[in-house]
C-alpha atoms as a PDB file:
ATOM      1  CA  UNK A   1      -1.627 -13.192   6.057  1.00  0.00           C
ATOM      2  CA  UNK A   2       0.466 -15.805   8.572  1.00  0.00           C
ATOM      3  CA  UNK A   3       4.491 -16.447   7.995  1.00  0.00           C
ATOM      4  CA  UNK A   4       4.399 -20.010   6.859  1.00  0.00           C
ATOM      5  CA  UNK A   5       7.703 -20.400   8.706  1.00  0.00           C
ATOM      6  CA  UNK A   6       7.451 -19.157  11.769  1.00  0.00           C
ATOM      7  CA  UNK A   7       3.458 -17.870  12.005  1.00  0.00           C
ATOM      8  CA  UNK A   8       4.362 -14.280  12.645  1.00  0.00           C
ATOM      9  CA  UNK A   9       1.737 -11.668  10.591  1.00  0.00           C
ATOM     10  CA  UNK A  10       3.570 -10.764   7.436  1.00  0.00           C
ATOM     11  CA  UNK A  11       3.623  -6.918   6.078  1.00  0.00           C
ATOM     12  CA  UNK A  12       2.861  -5.949   2.952  1.00  0.00           C
ATOM     13  CA  UNK A  13       5.304  -4.059   0.350  1.00  0.00           C
ATOM     14  CA  UNK A  14       6.793  -4.100  -2.893  1.00  0.00           C
ATOM     15  CA  UNK A  15       9.794  -4.541  -4.641  1.00  0.00           C
ATOM     16  CA  UNK A  16      10.843  -1.494  -6.964  1.00  0.00           C
ATOM     17  CA  UNK A  17      11.055  -1.538 -10.544  1.00  0.00           C
ATOM     18  CA  UNK A  18      14.041   1.686 -11.079  1.00  0.00           C
ATOM     19  CA  UNK A  19      13.481   2.748 -14.649  1.00  0.00           C
ATOM     20  CA  UNK A  20      15.404   6.014 -15.945  1.00  0.00           C
ATOM     21  CA  UNK A  21      13.759   8.880 -13.267  1.00  0.00           C
ATOM     22  CA  UNK A  22      10.651   6.591 -12.529  1.00  0.00           C
ATOM     23  CA  UNK A  23       9.927   4.357  -9.299  1.00  0.00           C
ATOM     24  CA  UNK A  24       7.466   1.288 -10.433  1.00  0.00           C
ATOM     25  CA  UNK A  25       6.074  -1.419  -9.395  1.00  0.00           C
ATOM     26  CA  UNK A  26       7.908  -5.024 -10.173  1.00  0.00           C
ATOM     27  CA  UNK A  27       5.700  -7.027 -12.736  1.00  0.00           C
ATOM     28  CA  UNK A  28       5.584 -10.753 -13.493  1.00  0.00           C
ATOM     29  CA  UNK A  29       5.874 -11.004 -17.660  1.00  0.00           C
ATOM     30  CA  UNK A  30       4.562 -14.890 -18.915  1.00  0.00           C
ATOM     31  CA  UNK A  31       7.407 -16.952 -20.484  1.00  0.00           C
ATOM     32  CA  UNK A  32      11.156 -16.349 -21.260  1.00  0.00           C
ATOM     33  CA  UNK A  33      12.619 -13.260 -21.323  1.00  0.00           C
ATOM     34  CA  UNK A  34      13.272 -11.754 -24.933  1.00  0.00           C
ATOM     35  CA  UNK A  35      16.242  -9.782 -25.875  1.00  0.00           C
ATOM     36  CA  UNK A  36      15.333  -5.850 -27.054  1.00  0.00           C
ATOM     37  CA  UNK A  37      18.001  -3.898 -28.597  1.00  0.00           C
ATOM     38  CA  UNK A  38      16.749  -0.337 -27.274  1.00  0.00           C
ATOM     39  CA  UNK A  39      15.347  -1.378 -23.827  1.00  0.00           C
ATOM     40  CA  UNK A  40      17.630  -5.079 -23.591  1.00  0.00           C
ATOM     41  CA  UNK A  41      14.170  -6.970 -22.135  1.00  0.00           C
ATOM     42  CA  UNK A  42      11.042  -6.967 -24.153  1.00  0.00           C
ATOM     43  CA  UNK A  43       8.059  -6.119 -21.441  1.00  0.00           C
ATOM     44  CA  UNK A  44       4.949  -5.413 -22.986  1.00  0.00           C
ATOM     45  CA  UNK A  45       2.659  -3.655 -20.614  1.00  0.00           C
ATOM     46  CA  UNK A  46      -0.463  -5.736 -21.410  1.00  0.00           C
ATOM     47  CA  UNK A  47       1.575  -8.568 -19.896  1.00  0.00           C
ATOM     48  CA  UNK A  48       2.528  -6.983 -17.158  1.00  0.00           C
ATOM     49  CA  UNK A  49       1.170  -8.489 -13.626  1.00  0.00           C
ATOM     50  CA  UNK A  50       2.047  -6.021 -10.899  1.00  0.00           C
ATOM     51  CA  UNK A  51       3.994  -7.841  -7.674  1.00  0.00           C
ATOM     52  CA  UNK A  52       3.139  -7.206  -4.244  1.00  0.00           C
ATOM     53  CA  UNK A  53       6.155  -8.738  -1.766  1.00  0.00           C
ATOM     54  CA  UNK A  54       5.121  -9.801   2.008  1.00  0.00           C
ATOM     55  CA  UNK A  55       7.316  -9.539   4.564  1.00  0.00           C
ATOM     56  CA  UNK A  56       7.636 -11.706   7.862  1.00  0.00           C
ATOM     57  CA  UNK A  57       9.144  -9.392  10.252  1.00  0.00           C
ATOM     58  CA  UNK A  58      10.381 -12.165  12.777  1.00  0.00           C
ATOM     59  CA  UNK A  59      12.454 -14.392  10.410  1.00  0.00           C
ATOM     60  CA  UNK A  60      12.891 -12.786   7.419  1.00  0.00           C
ATOM     61  CA  UNK A  61      11.067 -14.855   4.842  1.00  0.00           C
ATOM     62  CA  UNK A  62       9.718 -13.136   1.921  1.00  0.00           C
ATOM     63  CA  UNK A  63       6.619 -14.136  -0.578  1.00  0.00           C
ATOM     64  CA  UNK A  64       5.476 -12.916  -3.302  1.00  0.00           C
ATOM     65  CA  UNK A  65       2.323 -12.752  -5.522  1.00  0.00           C
ATOM     66  CA  UNK A  66       1.278 -11.549  -8.838  1.00  0.00           C
ATOM     67  CA  UNK A  67      -2.291  -9.956  -8.983  1.00  0.00           C
ATOM     68  CA  UNK A  68      -4.200  -6.692 -10.440  1.00  0.00           C
ATOM     69  CA  UNK A  69      -4.577  -5.689  -7.160  1.00  0.00           C
ATOM     70  CA  UNK A  70      -0.862  -4.851  -5.969  1.00  0.00           C
ATOM     71  CA  UNK A  71      -0.788  -1.688  -8.841  1.00  0.00           C
ATOM     72  CA  UNK A  72      -0.152   1.307  -7.512  1.00  0.00           C
ATOM     73  CA  UNK A  73      -2.890   3.334  -6.870  1.00  0.00           C
END
């Protein structure tokens, strides 16, 4: 993937979601966040779409994509 800012080759990564003792792949959920007494925010697993983060090593530009292919392997 080419950086839209400086045209350098972007590098794939992910933004971690720290949950108790786990490190998960961040995810995108539809709609506005809804409050949950127990977990602060309702986030049904069936609505989650994993997020891939691409970073340009030259200018630092970040670009995020939500797609099932970014789930942990």
